[in-house]
Amino acid sequence: LLVFRQHLENSLQLNTVLSSKEDIENAVDSLTQNIHRAASASTPSEPEIRPRSYGIVLTREARELIRTKRRLRRRAIRTQDPWDRILWNRAAKQLKVVLRELRSDFFEQKLSSMDYTVDANYSLWKCTKALKRQPLRWVPVRCPGGEFAKTEVEQANAFGFHLEDRFTPYDFATTEQIRETHQYLQMPLQMSWPIKPIRIEEILEI
């Protein structure tokens, strides 16, 4: 606040003549600008935080493939055309191959640059420590009665009770509606065949 006050006092002119409407407007504009300058000068600048890159760096080819895959995905979902879906899957496979090569090159470069000295920030020892780290212990499973599930059968039963309790539907439907739903689900065949997919070219020819 003290810095703001000093900057504002140094920039203000108290002998401004206010004899017309234009003089008043100019004085107000000048005061507003001086307040903004004083606020900017008295506000401490935050240190620039640069994001640290821990993963692979995408090349121009990979970024272009990502954009192409997203564009083909939107088109395939919008048109529901089998040919558009084929193009989308083809672009996805091509992108997967490029990303696999980039990951392989990244890990090869990372392994070749590892060292046990202070110049490499002891990267070799840190990687070895991460590999030798003990896995996290799983939380024991409890049965509905509160005792621990020791065998696989008890764990499966506890999981089944959990799913049954979690996904039990609300009693919104009547008994007649539930019976009709069960009869419909137990029907051997569907009443009508699904609609055969068509292509955009077939629609354009009509």
N, C-alpha and C. Protein backbone atom coordinates (compact mmCIF):
# COMPACT_ATOMS: atom_id res chain seq x y z
N LEU A 1 0.83 -1.21 0.00
CA LEU A 1 0.00 0.00 0.00
C LEU A 1 0.86 1.26 0.00
N LEU A 2 2.00 1.22 0.69
CA LEU A 2 2.88 2.38 0.74
C LEU A 2 3.50 2.65 -0.63
N VAL A 3 3.86 1.59 -1.34
CA VAL A 3 4.44 1.76 -2.68
C VAL A 3 3.40 2.33 -3.64
N PHE A 4 2.18 1.87 -3.53
CA PHE A 4 1.10 2.39 -4.38
C PHE A 4 0.88 3.88 -4.11
N ARG A 5 0.92 4.25 -2.85
CA ARG A 5 0.69 5.66 -2.50
C ARG A 5 1.82 6.54 -3.02
N GLN A 6 3.06 6.07 -2.92
CA GLN A 6 4.19 6.86 -3.40
C GLN A 6 4.13 7.04 -4.91
N HIS A 7 3.83 5.96 -5.65
CA HIS A 7 3.72 6.07 -7.10
C HIS A 7 2.59 7.01 -7.51
N LEU A 8 1.48 6.95 -6.80
CA LEU A 8 0.35 7.81 -7.15
C LEU A 8 0.64 9.27 -6.84
N GLU A 9 1.29 9.55 -5.71
CA GLU A 9 1.62 10.93 -5.36
C GLU A 9 2.64 11.52 -6.33
N ASN A 10 3.57 10.72 -6.81
CA ASN A 10 4.58 11.23 -7.74
C ASN A 10 4.00 11.52 -9.12
N SER A 11 2.93 10.82 -9.48
CA SER A 11 2.36 11.00 -10.82
C SER A 11 1.22 12.00 -10.87
N LEU A 12 0.68 12.41 -9.73
CA LEU A 12 -0.45 13.34 -9.73
C LEU A 12 0.02 14.78 -9.93
N GLN A 13 -0.80 15.54 -10.63
CA GLN A 13 -0.58 16.97 -10.83
C GLN A 13 -1.75 17.73 -10.19
N LEU A 14 -1.45 18.44 -9.11
CA LEU A 14 -2.51 19.11 -8.35
C LEU A 14 -2.87 20.49 -8.90
N ASN A 15 -2.09 21.01 -9.83
CA ASN A 15 -2.38 22.34 -10.39
C ASN A 15 -3.06 22.25 -11.75
N THR A 16 -3.90 21.24 -11.93
CA THR A 16 -4.60 21.08 -13.20
C THR A 16 -5.75 22.08 -13.29
N VAL A 17 -5.85 22.72 -14.44
CA VAL A 17 -6.91 23.71 -14.66
C VAL A 17 -8.17 23.00 -15.13
N LEU A 18 -9.30 23.25 -14.48
CA LEU A 18 -10.58 22.63 -14.82
C LEU A 18 -11.56 23.74 -15.18
N SER A 19 -11.41 24.27 -16.37
CA SER A 19 -12.25 25.39 -16.80
C SER A 19 -13.31 24.99 -17.81
N SER A 20 -13.26 23.76 -18.30
CA SER A 20 -14.25 23.33 -19.30
C SER A 20 -14.57 21.86 -19.09
N LYS A 21 -15.53 21.40 -19.88
CA LYS A 21 -15.93 19.99 -19.79
C LYS A 21 -14.82 19.07 -20.28
N GLU A 22 -14.10 19.50 -21.32
CA GLU A 22 -13.00 18.68 -21.84
C GLU A 22 -11.87 18.57 -20.82
N ASP A 23 -11.61 19.66 -20.08
CA ASP A 23 -10.56 19.61 -19.06
C ASP A 23 -10.90 18.61 -17.96
N ILE A 24 -12.18 18.56 -17.59
CA ILE A 24 -12.60 17.61 -16.55
C ILE A 24 -12.45 16.18 -17.04
N GLU A 25 -12.87 15.91 -18.29
CA GLU A 25 -12.75 14.55 -18.83
C GLU A 25 -11.29 14.13 -18.96
N ASN A 26 -10.43 15.06 -19.40
CA ASN A 26 -9.00 14.73 -19.51
C ASN A 26 -8.38 14.48 -18.14
N ALA A 27 -8.81 15.24 -17.14
CA ALA A 27 -8.28 15.04 -15.79
C ALA A 27 -8.71 13.69 -15.22
N VAL A 28 -9.98 13.30 -15.49
CA VAL A 28 -10.46 12.00 -15.02
C VAL A 28 -9.70 10.86 -15.71
N ASP A 29 -9.48 10.98 -17.03
CA ASP A 29 -8.72 9.95 -17.75
C ASP A 29 -7.29 9.85 -17.23
N SER A 30 -6.68 11.00 -16.98
CA SER A 30 -5.31 11.00 -16.47
C SER A 30 -5.23 10.37 -15.08
N LEU A 31 -6.23 10.67 -14.23
CA LEU A 31 -6.25 10.07 -12.89
C LEU A 31 -6.43 8.55 -12.97
N THR A 32 -7.30 8.10 -13.86
CA THR A 32 -7.52 6.65 -14.01
C THR A 32 -6.25 5.95 -14.48
N GLN A 33 -5.56 6.55 -15.46
CA GLN A 33 -4.32 5.95 -15.94
C GLN A 33 -3.24 5.93 -14.86
N ASN A 34 -3.16 6.98 -14.08
CA ASN A 34 -2.17 7.01 -13.00
C ASN A 34 -2.46 5.95 -11.94
N ILE A 35 -3.74 5.73 -11.65
CA ILE A 35 -4.10 4.69 -10.68
C ILE A 35 -3.71 3.31 -11.20
N HIS A 36 -3.96 3.06 -12.49
CA HIS A 36 -3.59 1.77 -13.08
C HIS A 36 -2.08 1.57 -13.07
N ARG A 37 -1.33 2.61 -13.40
CA ARG A 37 0.13 2.51 -13.40
C ARG A 37 0.65 2.26 -11.98
N ALA A 38 0.09 2.96 -11.00
CA ALA A 38 0.54 2.76 -9.62
C ALA A 38 0.20 1.35 -9.13
N ALA A 39 -0.97 0.85 -9.51
CA ALA A 39 -1.34 -0.51 -9.10
C ALA A 39 -0.43 -1.54 -9.75
N SER A 40 -0.10 -1.34 -11.03
CA SER A 40 0.80 -2.29 -11.70
C SER A 40 2.20 -2.24 -11.12
N ALA A 41 2.66 -1.04 -10.77
CA ALA A 41 4.01 -0.92 -10.23
C ALA A 41 4.11 -1.47 -8.82
N SER A 42 3.03 -1.39 -8.04
CA SER A 42 3.08 -1.86 -6.65
C SER A 42 2.70 -3.33 -6.49
N THR A 43 2.21 -3.95 -7.55
CA THR A 43 1.85 -5.37 -7.46
C THR A 43 3.08 -6.22 -7.69
N PRO A 44 3.44 -7.09 -6.76
CA PRO A 44 4.63 -7.94 -6.97
C PRO A 44 4.38 -8.94 -8.08
N SER A 45 5.38 -9.10 -8.90
CA SER A 45 5.27 -10.04 -10.03
C SER A 45 5.48 -11.46 -9.53
N GLU A 46 4.61 -12.36 -9.98
CA GLU A 46 4.73 -13.76 -9.59
C GLU A 46 5.85 -14.43 -10.37
N PRO A 47 6.59 -15.29 -9.73
CA PRO A 47 7.67 -15.99 -10.45
C PRO A 47 7.09 -16.89 -11.53
N GLU A 48 7.76 -16.92 -12.63
CA GLU A 48 7.31 -17.75 -13.75
C GLU A 48 7.56 -19.21 -13.45
N ILE A 49 6.52 -19.99 -13.51
CA ILE A 49 6.60 -21.42 -13.24
C ILE A 49 6.58 -22.15 -14.57
N ARG A 50 7.67 -22.75 -14.90
CA ARG A 50 7.75 -23.50 -16.14
C ARG A 50 7.38 -24.95 -15.88
N PRO A 51 6.47 -25.47 -16.67
CA PRO A 51 6.10 -26.88 -16.46
C PRO A 51 7.25 -27.81 -16.79
N ARG A 52 7.46 -28.77 -15.94
CA ARG A 52 8.52 -29.75 -16.15
C ARG A 52 7.97 -30.90 -16.99
N SER A 53 8.74 -31.26 -17.98
CA SER A 53 8.32 -32.30 -18.91
C SER A 53 8.90 -33.63 -18.44
N TYR A 54 8.01 -34.56 -18.08
CA TYR A 54 8.43 -35.88 -17.65
C TYR A 54 8.17 -36.94 -18.72
N GLY A 55 7.39 -36.62 -19.73
CA GLY A 55 7.03 -37.62 -20.72
C GLY A 55 7.66 -37.34 -22.05
N ILE A 56 7.10 -37.97 -23.07
CA ILE A 56 7.63 -37.83 -24.41
C ILE A 56 7.23 -36.48 -24.99
N VAL A 57 8.02 -36.03 -25.95
CA VAL A 57 7.74 -34.79 -26.66
C VAL A 57 7.16 -35.16 -28.02
N LEU A 58 5.95 -34.73 -28.28
CA LEU A 58 5.28 -35.08 -29.52
C LEU A 58 5.89 -34.33 -30.69
N THR A 59 6.11 -35.03 -31.77
CA THR A 59 6.62 -34.42 -32.99
C THR A 59 5.47 -33.80 -33.77
N ARG A 60 5.84 -33.10 -34.84
CA ARG A 60 4.80 -32.50 -35.68
C ARG A 60 3.93 -33.56 -36.34
N GLU A 61 4.55 -34.67 -36.72
CA GLU A 61 3.78 -35.76 -37.33
C GLU A 61 2.78 -36.35 -36.35
N ALA A 62 3.20 -36.53 -35.09
CA ALA A 62 2.29 -37.10 -34.09
C ALA A 62 1.13 -36.15 -33.80
N ARG A 63 1.42 -34.85 -33.70
CA ARG A 63 0.34 -33.89 -33.44
C ARG A 63 -0.65 -33.84 -34.60
N GLU A 64 -0.13 -33.94 -35.83
CA GLU A 64 -1.01 -33.94 -36.99
C GLU A 64 -1.88 -35.20 -37.02
N LEU A 65 -1.30 -36.34 -36.63
CA LEU A 65 -2.07 -37.58 -36.58
C LEU A 65 -3.16 -37.51 -35.50
N ILE A 66 -2.86 -36.87 -34.39
CA ILE A 66 -3.86 -36.71 -33.33
C ILE A 66 -5.03 -35.86 -33.81
N ARG A 67 -4.72 -34.76 -34.50
CA ARG A 67 -5.80 -33.92 -35.03
C ARG A 67 -6.62 -34.67 -36.08
N THR A 68 -5.93 -35.45 -36.94
CA THR A 68 -6.65 -36.21 -37.96
C THR A 68 -7.55 -37.26 -37.34
N LYS A 69 -7.02 -37.95 -36.32
CA LYS A 69 -7.82 -38.98 -35.66
C LYS A 69 -9.05 -38.39 -34.99
N ARG A 70 -8.92 -37.24 -34.32
CA ARG A 70 -10.06 -36.61 -33.67
C ARG A 70 -11.09 -36.14 -34.71
N ARG A 71 -10.60 -35.61 -35.83
CA ARG A 71 -11.53 -35.17 -36.86
C ARG A 71 -12.30 -36.35 -37.45
N LEU A 72 -11.60 -37.46 -37.72
CA LEU A 72 -12.27 -38.64 -38.25
C LEU A 72 -13.22 -39.26 -37.23
N ARG A 73 -12.87 -39.17 -35.96
CA ARG A 73 -13.75 -39.70 -34.92
C ARG A 73 -15.06 -38.91 -34.87
N ARG A 74 -14.96 -37.59 -34.90
CA ARG A 74 -16.18 -36.77 -34.89
C ARG A 74 -17.04 -37.06 -36.11
N ARG A 75 -16.38 -37.24 -37.26
CA ARG A 75 -17.13 -37.50 -38.48
C ARG A 75 -17.80 -38.87 -38.43
N ALA A 76 -17.09 -39.88 -37.92
CA ALA A 76 -17.67 -41.22 -37.85
C ALA A 76 -18.85 -41.27 -36.89
N ILE A 77 -18.76 -40.56 -35.78
CA ILE A 77 -19.87 -40.54 -34.82
C ILE A 77 -21.06 -39.78 -35.38
N ARG A 78 -20.78 -38.73 -36.14
CA ARG A 78 -21.87 -37.92 -36.68
C ARG A 78 -22.59 -38.62 -37.84
N THR A 79 -21.85 -39.25 -38.73
CA THR A 79 -22.46 -39.86 -39.92
C THR A 79 -22.87 -41.31 -39.73
N GLN A 80 -22.21 -42.04 -38.79
CA GLN A 80 -22.46 -43.47 -38.60
C GLN A 80 -22.21 -44.26 -39.89
N ASP A 81 -21.27 -43.80 -40.68
CA ASP A 81 -20.94 -44.47 -41.94
C ASP A 81 -19.85 -45.51 -41.67
N PRO A 82 -20.00 -46.75 -42.14
CA PRO A 82 -18.95 -47.76 -41.91
C PRO A 82 -17.60 -47.37 -42.51
N TRP A 83 -17.61 -46.69 -43.64
CA TRP A 83 -16.34 -46.30 -44.25
C TRP A 83 -15.62 -45.24 -43.41
N ASP A 84 -16.37 -44.31 -42.82
CA ASP A 84 -15.76 -43.33 -41.92
C ASP A 84 -15.19 -44.00 -40.68
N ARG A 85 -15.85 -45.03 -40.19
CA ARG A 85 -15.32 -45.75 -39.04
C ARG A 85 -14.03 -46.50 -39.41
N ILE A 86 -13.96 -47.01 -40.63
CA ILE A 86 -12.74 -47.68 -41.08
C ILE A 86 -11.58 -46.68 -41.14
N LEU A 87 -11.84 -45.50 -41.67
CA LEU A 87 -10.79 -44.47 -41.72
C LEU A 87 -10.36 -44.04 -40.32
N TRP A 88 -11.31 -43.96 -39.40
CA TRP A 88 -10.98 -43.59 -38.02
C TRP A 88 -10.10 -44.65 -37.37
N ASN A 89 -10.45 -45.94 -37.53
CA ASN A 89 -9.64 -47.01 -36.96
C ASN A 89 -8.25 -47.06 -37.59
N ARG A 90 -8.18 -46.78 -38.89
CA ARG A 90 -6.88 -46.78 -39.56
C ARG A 90 -5.98 -45.67 -39.02
N ALA A 91 -6.55 -44.48 -38.82
CA ALA A 91 -5.77 -43.38 -38.26
C ALA A 91 -5.36 -43.66 -36.82
N ALA A 92 -6.24 -44.32 -36.05
CA ALA A 92 -5.91 -44.65 -34.66
C ALA A 92 -4.75 -45.65 -34.60
N LYS A 93 -4.75 -46.65 -35.48
CA LYS A 93 -3.65 -47.61 -35.50
C LYS A 93 -2.34 -46.95 -35.91
N GLN A 94 -2.40 -46.06 -36.90
CA GLN A 94 -1.19 -45.36 -37.32
C GLN A 94 -0.65 -44.48 -36.20
N LEU A 95 -1.53 -43.81 -35.47
CA LEU A 95 -1.09 -43.00 -34.34
C LEU A 95 -0.49 -43.86 -33.24
N LYS A 96 -1.05 -45.04 -33.02
CA LYS A 96 -0.52 -45.93 -31.99
C LYS A 96 0.90 -46.37 -32.31
N VAL A 97 1.17 -46.63 -33.59
CA VAL A 97 2.52 -47.03 -34.00
C VAL A 97 3.51 -45.89 -33.79
N VAL A 98 3.12 -44.67 -34.16
CA VAL A 98 4.01 -43.52 -33.99
C VAL A 98 4.29 -43.26 -32.52
N LEU A 99 3.26 -43.33 -31.66
CA LEU A 99 3.47 -43.11 -30.23
C LEU A 99 4.33 -44.20 -29.61
N ARG A 100 4.20 -45.43 -30.08
CA ARG A 100 5.05 -46.51 -29.57
C ARG A 100 6.51 -46.25 -29.92
N GLU A 101 6.78 -45.77 -31.12
CA GLU A 101 8.16 -45.45 -31.50
C GLU A 101 8.70 -44.28 -30.68
N LEU A 102 7.87 -43.28 -30.44
CA LEU A 102 8.32 -42.14 -29.63
C LEU A 102 8.63 -42.57 -28.19
N ARG A 103 7.79 -43.43 -27.61
CA ARG A 103 8.05 -43.90 -26.25
C ARG A 103 9.33 -44.73 -26.20
N SER A 104 9.55 -45.56 -27.21
CA SER A 104 10.76 -46.38 -27.24
C SER A 104 12.00 -45.50 -27.32
N ASP A 105 11.98 -44.49 -28.20
CA ASP A 105 13.13 -43.59 -28.30
C ASP A 105 13.32 -42.79 -27.02
N PHE A 106 12.22 -42.40 -26.37
CA PHE A 106 12.33 -41.63 -25.13
C PHE A 106 12.99 -42.45 -24.02
N PHE A 107 12.57 -43.71 -23.86
CA PHE A 107 13.15 -44.54 -22.80
C PHE A 107 14.59 -44.92 -23.11
N GLU A 108 14.92 -45.12 -24.38
CA GLU A 108 16.31 -45.39 -24.73
C GLU A 108 17.20 -44.20 -24.42
N GLN A 109 16.73 -43.00 -24.75
CA GLN A 109 17.50 -41.81 -24.43
C GLN A 109 17.61 -41.59 -22.92
N LYS A 110 16.53 -41.89 -22.20
CA LYS A 110 16.56 -41.72 -20.75
C LYS A 110 17.52 -42.70 -20.10
N LEU A 111 17.52 -43.95 -20.56
CA LEU A 111 18.43 -44.94 -19.99
C LEU A 111 19.88 -44.63 -20.32
N SER A 112 20.13 -44.14 -21.53
CA SER A 112 21.51 -43.84 -21.91
C SER A 112 22.06 -42.62 -21.16
N SER A 113 21.19 -41.72 -20.72
CA SER A 113 21.64 -40.52 -20.01
C SER A 113 21.72 -40.70 -18.51
N MET A 114 21.35 -41.87 -17.99
CA MET A 114 21.41 -42.10 -16.55
C MET A 114 22.84 -42.27 -16.07
N ASP A 115 23.09 -41.81 -14.87
CA ASP A 115 24.41 -41.94 -14.27
C ASP A 115 24.26 -41.88 -12.75
N TYR A 116 25.30 -42.30 -12.06
CA TYR A 116 25.27 -42.32 -10.60
C TYR A 116 25.95 -41.11 -9.98
N THR A 117 26.36 -40.14 -10.80
CA THR A 117 27.07 -38.98 -10.29
C THR A 117 26.09 -37.86 -9.97
N VAL A 118 26.64 -36.81 -9.34
CA VAL A 118 25.80 -35.68 -8.96
C VAL A 118 25.42 -34.85 -10.18
N ASP A 119 26.22 -34.92 -11.25
CA ASP A 119 25.89 -34.15 -12.46
C ASP A 119 24.59 -34.63 -13.09
N ALA A 120 24.30 -35.91 -12.97
CA ALA A 120 23.06 -36.47 -13.51
C ALA A 120 21.96 -36.53 -12.47
N ASN A 121 22.17 -35.85 -11.33
CA ASN A 121 21.17 -35.82 -10.25
C ASN A 121 20.88 -37.23 -9.71
N TYR A 122 21.90 -38.08 -9.75
CA TYR A 122 21.78 -39.46 -9.24
C TYR A 122 20.57 -40.18 -9.85
N SER A 123 20.39 -40.00 -11.15
CA SER A 123 19.21 -40.56 -11.81
C SER A 123 19.23 -42.08 -11.81
N LEU A 124 20.42 -42.68 -11.89
CA LEU A 124 20.49 -44.14 -11.89
C LEU A 124 20.04 -44.71 -10.56
N TRP A 125 20.47 -44.10 -9.46
CA TRP A 125 20.07 -44.60 -8.14
C TRP A 125 18.57 -44.37 -7.91
N LYS A 126 18.03 -43.25 -8.38
CA LYS A 126 16.60 -43.00 -8.20
C LYS A 126 15.75 -44.00 -8.97
N CYS A 127 16.19 -44.33 -10.19
CA CYS A 127 15.45 -45.31 -10.98
C CYS A 127 15.52 -46.69 -10.34
N THR A 128 16.70 -47.06 -9.83
CA THR A 128 16.84 -48.35 -9.16
C THR A 128 16.00 -48.41 -7.89
N LYS A 129 15.96 -47.31 -7.15
CA LYS A 129 15.15 -47.28 -5.94
C LYS A 129 13.67 -47.42 -6.26
N ALA A 130 13.22 -46.80 -7.36
CA ALA A 130 11.82 -46.92 -7.75
C ALA A 130 11.47 -48.34 -8.17
N LEU A 131 12.41 -49.03 -8.83
CA LEU A 131 12.15 -50.41 -9.25
C LEU A 131 12.13 -51.37 -8.07
N LYS A 132 12.95 -51.12 -7.05
CA LYS A 132 13.04 -52.00 -5.89
C LYS A 132 12.03 -51.65 -4.80
N ARG A 133 11.22 -50.66 -5.05
CA ARG A 133 10.26 -50.25 -4.04
C ARG A 133 9.21 -51.34 -3.84
N GLN A 134 8.86 -51.58 -2.60
CA GLN A 134 7.88 -52.60 -2.28
C GLN A 134 6.49 -52.17 -2.74
N PRO A 135 5.73 -53.08 -3.30
CA PRO A 135 4.37 -52.70 -3.73
C PRO A 135 3.48 -52.40 -2.54
N LEU A 136 2.49 -51.58 -2.79
CA LEU A 136 1.55 -51.21 -1.73
C LEU A 136 0.68 -52.39 -1.34
N ARG A 137 0.42 -52.51 -0.06
CA ARG A 137 -0.41 -53.60 0.43
C ARG A 137 -1.88 -53.25 0.22
N TRP A 138 -2.62 -54.26 -0.20
CA TRP A 138 -4.04 -54.06 -0.41
C TRP A 138 -4.78 -54.08 0.93
N VAL A 139 -5.83 -53.28 1.01
CA VAL A 139 -6.65 -53.24 2.21
C VAL A 139 -7.44 -54.55 2.31
N PRO A 140 -7.44 -55.22 3.45
CA PRO A 140 -8.18 -56.48 3.56
C PRO A 140 -9.67 -56.29 3.35
N VAL A 141 -10.28 -57.31 2.76
CA VAL A 141 -11.71 -57.27 2.46
C VAL A 141 -12.48 -57.82 3.66
N ARG A 142 -13.56 -57.16 3.99
CA ARG A 142 -14.40 -57.60 5.10
C ARG A 142 -15.72 -58.15 4.56
N CYS A 143 -16.20 -59.18 5.21
CA CYS A 143 -17.49 -59.77 4.87
C CYS A 143 -18.61 -58.88 5.42
N PRO A 144 -19.85 -59.12 4.99
CA PRO A 144 -20.95 -58.30 5.52
C PRO A 144 -21.09 -58.39 7.03
N GLY A 145 -20.67 -59.51 7.64
CA GLY A 145 -20.76 -59.63 9.09
C GLY A 145 -19.69 -58.89 9.85
N GLY A 146 -18.64 -58.39 9.14
CA GLY A 146 -17.57 -57.65 9.79
C GLY A 146 -16.27 -58.41 9.88
N GLU A 147 -16.27 -59.74 9.70
CA GLU A 147 -15.04 -60.51 9.77
C GLU A 147 -14.27 -60.40 8.45
N PHE A 148 -12.98 -60.71 8.50
CA PHE A 148 -12.13 -60.61 7.32
C PHE A 148 -12.40 -61.78 6.37
N ALA A 149 -12.38 -61.47 5.06
CA ALA A 149 -12.54 -62.51 4.03
C ALA A 149 -11.16 -63.10 3.74
N LYS A 150 -10.94 -64.35 4.14
CA LYS A 150 -9.62 -64.97 4.02
C LYS A 150 -9.45 -65.71 2.70
N THR A 151 -10.47 -66.40 2.26
CA THR A 151 -10.35 -67.20 1.04
C THR A 151 -10.90 -66.40 -0.15
N GLU A 152 -10.61 -66.93 -1.35
CA GLU A 152 -11.11 -66.27 -2.55
C GLU A 152 -12.62 -66.36 -2.66
N VAL A 153 -13.19 -67.46 -2.18
CA VAL A 153 -14.64 -67.60 -2.22
C VAL A 153 -15.31 -66.56 -1.34
N GLU A 154 -14.76 -66.34 -0.14
CA GLU A 154 -15.33 -65.33 0.76
C GLU A 154 -15.18 -63.93 0.17
N GLN A 155 -14.05 -63.65 -0.48
CA GLN A 155 -13.87 -62.34 -1.11
C GLN A 155 -14.85 -62.15 -2.26
N ALA A 156 -15.07 -63.21 -3.06
CA ALA A 156 -16.03 -63.11 -4.16
C ALA A 156 -17.45 -62.90 -3.64
N ASN A 157 -17.80 -63.61 -2.57
CA ASN A 157 -19.14 -63.42 -2.00
C ASN A 157 -19.31 -62.01 -1.43
N ALA A 158 -18.26 -61.50 -0.78
CA ALA A 158 -18.35 -60.13 -0.24
C ALA A 158 -18.49 -59.12 -1.37
N PHE A 159 -17.78 -59.35 -2.47
CA PHE A 159 -17.91 -58.45 -3.61
C PHE A 159 -19.30 -58.53 -4.23
N GLY A 160 -19.86 -59.75 -4.28
CA GLY A 160 -21.21 -59.91 -4.80
C GLY A 160 -22.24 -59.21 -3.93
N PHE A 161 -22.12 -59.34 -2.61
CA PHE A 161 -23.04 -58.63 -1.70
C PHE A 161 -22.92 -57.12 -1.87
N HIS A 162 -21.69 -56.65 -2.08
CA HIS A 162 -21.49 -55.21 -2.27
C HIS A 162 -22.17 -54.73 -3.54
N LEU A 163 -22.01 -55.48 -4.64
CA LEU A 163 -22.65 -55.09 -5.89
C LEU A 163 -24.17 -55.15 -5.79
N GLU A 164 -24.67 -56.18 -5.11
CA GLU A 164 -26.12 -56.31 -4.96
C GLU A 164 -26.70 -55.16 -4.14
N ASP A 165 -25.97 -54.76 -3.11
CA ASP A 165 -26.45 -53.66 -2.28
C ASP A 165 -26.31 -52.31 -2.99
N ARG A 166 -25.27 -52.20 -3.83
CA ARG A 166 -25.00 -50.92 -4.49
C ARG A 166 -25.94 -50.69 -5.68
N PHE A 167 -26.26 -51.73 -6.41
CA PHE A 167 -27.04 -51.58 -7.63
C PHE A 167 -28.46 -52.13 -7.49
N THR A 168 -29.00 -52.14 -6.31
CA THR A 168 -30.39 -52.54 -6.12
C THR A 168 -31.30 -51.42 -6.59
N PRO A 169 -32.21 -51.66 -7.53
CA PRO A 169 -33.07 -50.58 -8.03
C PRO A 169 -34.09 -50.15 -6.99
N TYR A 170 -34.55 -48.95 -7.16
CA TYR A 170 -35.59 -48.44 -6.27
C TYR A 170 -36.94 -49.07 -6.62
N ASP A 171 -37.82 -49.11 -5.66
CA ASP A 171 -39.13 -49.72 -5.85
C ASP A 171 -40.10 -48.71 -6.47
N PHE A 172 -39.75 -48.24 -7.65
CA PHE A 172 -40.62 -47.30 -8.34
C PHE A 172 -41.65 -48.01 -9.21
N ALA A 173 -41.30 -49.18 -9.75
CA ALA A 173 -42.19 -49.89 -10.66
C ALA A 173 -43.16 -50.76 -9.88
N THR A 174 -44.32 -50.97 -10.48
CA THR A 174 -45.32 -51.83 -9.87
C THR A 174 -45.02 -53.29 -10.18
N THR A 175 -45.73 -54.18 -9.52
CA THR A 175 -45.53 -55.62 -9.76
C THR A 175 -45.87 -56.00 -11.19
N GLU A 176 -46.90 -55.40 -11.75
CA GLU A 176 -47.29 -55.69 -13.13
C GLU A 176 -46.22 -55.23 -14.11
N GLN A 177 -45.63 -54.07 -13.88
CA GLN A 177 -44.56 -53.58 -14.75
C GLN A 177 -43.32 -54.46 -14.66
N ILE A 178 -42.99 -54.91 -13.46
CA ILE A 178 -41.84 -55.80 -13.31
C ILE A 178 -42.08 -57.12 -14.02
N ARG A 179 -43.29 -57.65 -13.94
CA ARG A 179 -43.60 -58.91 -14.61
C ARG A 179 -43.52 -58.75 -16.13
N GLU A 180 -44.04 -57.66 -16.66
CA GLU A 180 -43.96 -57.43 -18.10
C GLU A 180 -42.51 -57.27 -18.56
N THR A 181 -41.71 -56.61 -17.75
CA THR A 181 -40.30 -56.45 -18.12
C THR A 181 -39.58 -57.78 -18.14
N HIS A 182 -39.82 -58.64 -17.15
CA HIS A 182 -39.20 -59.97 -17.13
C HIS A 182 -39.66 -60.81 -18.32
N GLN A 183 -40.93 -60.74 -18.66
CA GLN A 183 -41.41 -61.48 -19.82
C GLN A 183 -40.76 -60.99 -21.11
N TYR A 184 -40.58 -59.68 -21.23
CA TYR A 184 -39.96 -59.14 -22.43
C TYR A 184 -38.49 -59.55 -22.53
N LEU A 185 -37.79 -59.57 -21.39
CA LEU A 185 -36.38 -59.94 -21.41
C LEU A 185 -36.18 -61.43 -21.64
N GLN A 186 -37.14 -62.26 -21.28
CA GLN A 186 -37.01 -63.70 -21.45
C GLN A 186 -37.53 -64.19 -22.79
N MET A 187 -37.92 -63.29 -23.68
CA MET A 187 -38.37 -63.70 -25.01
C MET A 187 -37.21 -64.29 -25.80
N PRO A 188 -37.39 -65.40 -26.53
CA PRO A 188 -36.26 -66.06 -27.20
C PRO A 188 -35.67 -65.24 -28.33
N LEU A 189 -36.49 -64.55 -29.12
CA LEU A 189 -36.01 -63.79 -30.26
C LEU A 189 -36.63 -62.41 -30.24
N GLN A 190 -35.96 -61.49 -30.88
CA GLN A 190 -36.52 -60.16 -30.98
C GLN A 190 -37.59 -60.12 -32.07
N MET A 191 -38.51 -59.20 -31.95
CA MET A 191 -39.65 -59.15 -32.84
C MET A 191 -39.29 -58.66 -34.23
N SER A 192 -38.31 -57.80 -34.37
CA SER A 192 -37.93 -57.27 -35.67
C SER A 192 -36.41 -57.24 -35.78
N TRP A 193 -35.92 -57.40 -37.01
CA TRP A 193 -34.49 -57.38 -37.25
C TRP A 193 -33.97 -55.95 -37.19
N PRO A 194 -32.72 -55.75 -36.81
CA PRO A 194 -32.18 -54.38 -36.78
C PRO A 194 -32.06 -53.79 -38.17
N ILE A 195 -32.07 -52.48 -38.22
CA ILE A 195 -31.98 -51.77 -39.50
C ILE A 195 -30.59 -51.97 -40.09
N LYS A 196 -30.54 -52.30 -41.35
CA LYS A 196 -29.26 -52.50 -42.02
C LYS A 196 -28.57 -51.16 -42.23
N PRO A 197 -27.29 -51.04 -41.87
CA PRO A 197 -26.60 -49.75 -42.05
C PRO A 197 -26.46 -49.39 -43.52
N ILE A 198 -26.57 -48.12 -43.80
CA ILE A 198 -26.44 -47.63 -45.16
C ILE A 198 -25.29 -46.64 -45.22
N ARG A 199 -24.83 -46.37 -46.43
CA ARG A 199 -23.73 -45.44 -46.65
C ARG A 199 -24.27 -44.13 -47.19
N ILE A 200 -23.45 -43.11 -47.07
CA ILE A 200 -23.86 -41.79 -47.53
C ILE A 200 -24.02 -41.77 -49.05
N GLU A 201 -23.18 -42.55 -49.75
CA GLU A 201 -23.28 -42.58 -51.21
C GLU A 201 -24.64 -43.10 -51.67
N GLU A 202 -25.21 -44.05 -50.92
CA GLU A 202 -26.52 -44.57 -51.28
C GLU A 202 -27.61 -43.51 -51.13
N ILE A 203 -27.46 -42.65 -50.13
CA ILE A 203 -28.45 -41.57 -49.95
C ILE A 203 -28.31 -40.53 -51.04
N LEU A 204 -27.07 -40.23 -51.44
CA LEU A 204 -26.87 -39.23 -52.47
C LEU A 204 -27.39 -39.68 -53.82
N GLU A 205 -27.41 -40.99 -54.06
CA GLU A 205 -27.89 -41.49 -55.35
C GLU A 205 -29.41 -41.45 -55.47
N ILE A 206 -30.12 -41.30 -54.35
CA ILE A 206 -31.58 -41.28 -54.40
C ILE A 206 -32.07 -39.95 -54.97
